[in-house]
C-alpha atoms as a PDB file:
ATOM      1  CA  UNK A   1     -64.367 -25.879 -16.099  1.00  0.00           C
ATOM      2  CA  UNK A   2     -64.712 -22.098 -16.134  1.00  0.00           C
ATOM      3  CA  UNK A   3     -68.197 -22.406 -14.652  1.00  0.00           C
ATOM      4  CA  UNK A   4     -66.793 -23.858 -11.444  1.00  0.00           C
ATOM      5  CA  UNK A   5     -66.059 -21.320  -8.696  1.00  0.00           C
ATOM      6  CA  UNK A   6     -62.908 -23.256  -7.754  1.00  0.00           C
ATOM      7  CA  UNK A   7     -60.842 -26.031  -9.257  1.00  0.00           C
ATOM      8  CA  UNK A   8     -58.630 -28.599  -7.622  1.00  0.00           C
ATOM      9  CA  UNK A   9     -55.415 -29.304  -9.474  1.00  0.00           C
ATOM     10  CA  UNK A  10     -56.573 -32.884  -9.953  1.00  0.00           C
ATOM     11  CA  UNK A  11     -59.556 -31.497 -11.959  1.00  0.00           C
ATOM     12  CA  UNK A  12     -57.046 -30.603 -14.674  1.00  0.00           C
ATOM     13  CA  UNK A  13     -55.880 -34.182 -15.246  1.00  0.00           C
ATOM     14  CA  UNK A  14     -56.158 -35.330 -18.828  1.00  0.00           C
ATOM     15  CA  UNK A  15     -55.261 -31.910 -20.226  1.00  0.00           C
ATOM     16  CA  UNK A  16     -52.089 -30.508 -21.667  1.00  0.00           C
ATOM     17  CA  UNK A  17     -50.535 -27.477 -20.005  1.00  0.00           C
ATOM     18  CA  UNK A  18     -49.339 -24.323 -21.757  1.00  0.00           C
ATOM     19  CA  UNK A  19     -46.720 -22.342 -19.884  1.00  0.00           C
ATOM     20  CA  UNK A  20     -43.779 -20.043 -20.416  1.00  0.00           C
ATOM     21  CA  UNK A  21     -40.586 -21.697 -21.640  1.00  0.00           C
ATOM     22  CA  UNK A  22     -38.798 -23.341 -18.728  1.00  0.00           C
ATOM     23  CA  UNK A  23     -35.509 -21.785 -19.807  1.00  0.00           C
ATOM     24  CA  UNK A  24     -36.985 -18.313 -19.229  1.00  0.00           C
ATOM     25  CA  UNK A  25     -38.555 -19.226 -15.897  1.00  0.00           C
ATOM     26  CA  UNK A  26     -36.622 -22.074 -14.225  1.00  0.00           C
ATOM     27  CA  UNK A  27     -38.872 -21.889 -11.131  1.00  0.00           C
ATOM     28  CA  UNK A  28     -41.672 -23.369 -13.248  1.00  0.00           C
ATOM     29  CA  UNK A  29     -39.974 -26.754 -12.851  1.00  0.00           C
ATOM     30  CA  UNK A  30     -40.798 -26.553  -9.132  1.00  0.00           C
ATOM     31  CA  UNK A  31     -44.354 -25.495  -9.935  1.00  0.00           C
ATOM     32  CA  UNK A  32     -44.722 -28.433 -12.324  1.00  0.00           C
ATOM     33  CA  UNK A  33     -43.378 -30.819  -9.690  1.00  0.00           C
ATOM     34  CA  UNK A  34     -45.768 -29.389  -7.057  1.00  0.00           C
ATOM     35  CA  UNK A  35     -48.716 -29.728  -9.448  1.00  0.00           C
ATOM     36  CA  UNK A  36     -47.868 -33.350 -10.110  1.00  0.00           C
ATOM     37  CA  UNK A  37     -47.611 -33.975  -6.365  1.00  0.00           C
ATOM     38  CA  UNK A  38     -51.068 -32.375  -5.919  1.00  0.00           C
ATOM     39  CA  UNK A  39     -52.680 -34.607  -8.530  1.00  0.00           C
ATOM     40  CA  UNK A  40     -52.280 -32.690 -11.785  1.00  0.00           C
ATOM     41  CA  UNK A  41     -50.015 -34.614 -14.120  1.00  0.00           C
ATOM     42  CA  UNK A  42     -50.462 -32.976 -17.531  1.00  0.00           C
ATOM     43  CA  UNK A  43     -50.605 -35.280 -20.550  1.00  0.00           C
ATOM     44  CA  UNK A  44     -48.211 -32.866 -22.273  1.00  0.00           C
ATOM     45  CA  UNK A  45     -46.382 -29.680 -21.377  1.00  0.00           C
ATOM     46  CA  UNK A  46     -46.339 -27.093 -24.147  1.00  0.00           C
ATOM     47  CA  UNK A  47     -44.434 -23.822 -24.170  1.00  0.00           C
ATOM     48  CA  UNK A  48     -45.600 -20.431 -25.337  1.00  0.00           C
ATOM     49  CA  UNK A  49     -43.830 -17.098 -24.990  1.00  0.00           C
ATOM     50  CA  UNK A  50     -47.092 -15.262 -25.615  1.00  0.00           C
ATOM     51  CA  UNK A  51     -49.845 -15.464 -22.959  1.00  0.00           C
ATOM     52  CA  UNK A  52     -52.499 -14.302 -25.422  1.00  0.00           C
ATOM     53  CA  UNK A  53     -51.589 -17.208 -27.734  1.00  0.00           C
ATOM     54  CA  UNK A  54     -51.787 -19.664 -24.831  1.00  0.00           C
ATOM     55  CA  UNK A  55     -55.170 -18.271 -23.820  1.00  0.00           C
ATOM     56  CA  UNK A  56     -56.447 -18.725 -27.373  1.00  0.00           C
ATOM     57  CA  UNK A  57     -55.376 -22.357 -27.295  1.00  0.00           C
ATOM     58  CA  UNK A  58     -57.101 -22.846 -23.952  1.00  0.00           C
ATOM     59  CA  UNK A  59     -60.301 -21.290 -25.293  1.00  0.00           C
ATOM     60  CA  UNK A  60     -60.073 -23.656 -28.274  1.00  0.00           C
ATOM     61  CA  UNK A  61     -59.890 -26.509 -25.718  1.00  0.00           C
ATOM     62  CA  UNK A  62     -56.290 -27.452 -26.480  1.00  0.00           C
ATOM     63  CA  UNK A  63     -55.198 -27.568 -22.847  1.00  0.00           C
ATOM     64  CA  UNK A  64     -54.990 -25.415 -19.760  1.00  0.00           C
ATOM     65  CA  UNK A  65     -52.650 -22.574 -18.842  1.00  0.00           C
ATOM     66  CA  UNK A  66     -51.706 -20.480 -15.878  1.00  0.00           C
ATOM     67  CA  UNK A  67     -51.745 -16.902 -17.083  1.00  0.00           C
ATOM     68  CA  UNK A  68     -51.764 -13.476 -15.492  1.00  0.00           C
ATOM     69  CA  UNK A  69     -55.122 -12.285 -14.228  1.00  0.00           C
ATOM     70  CA  UNK A  70     -54.796  -9.193 -16.450  1.00  0.00           C
ATOM     71  CA  UNK A  71     -54.892 -11.499 -19.486  1.00  0.00           C
ATOM     72  CA  UNK A  72     -57.553 -13.779 -18.006  1.00  0.00           C
ATOM     73  CA  UNK A  73     -59.952 -10.849 -17.612  1.00  0.00           C
ATOM     74  CA  UNK A  74     -60.206 -10.518 -21.386  1.00  0.00           C
ATOM     75  CA  UNK A  75     -62.611 -13.410 -21.668  1.00  0.00           C
ATOM     76  CA  UNK A  76     -65.385 -14.489 -19.277  1.00  0.00           C
ATOM     77  CA  UNK A  77     -64.834 -18.166 -20.209  1.00  0.00           C
ATOM     78  CA  UNK A  78     -61.464 -18.115 -18.443  1.00  0.00           C
ATOM     79  CA  UNK A  79     -61.439 -19.335 -14.862  1.00  0.00           C
ATOM     80  CA  UNK A  80     -59.511 -17.303 -12.308  1.00  0.00           C
ATOM     81  CA  UNK A  81     -59.454 -14.267 -10.067  1.00  0.00           C
ATOM     82  CA  UNK A  82     -61.227 -11.300 -11.542  1.00  0.00           C
END
C-alpha cells in the first residue's frame, strides 16, 4: 500500500486498525464512524498508547494505523505526508 501515492479508505478494508485508546481521545469514535461510512470497516480495532509500537505492528503487516507525520517519516515504507 505504501507504494500508492494516495489511498481511499476503502483500500484499507480487511485490515485491523491500531489507534490511541478511545478513552484518551473520545473524538476517535467519530473518526471511526466516518471511516466506516466511507468504506473502511476494520476487521478489528486495536489500541496502542505508543505510536512507535503501532508503527512497528503496521510494518510487520499486523494492520494499519493513523499516526503523526513526524513518526511516519521514520520509515519510507509508511504511507503519508512527508
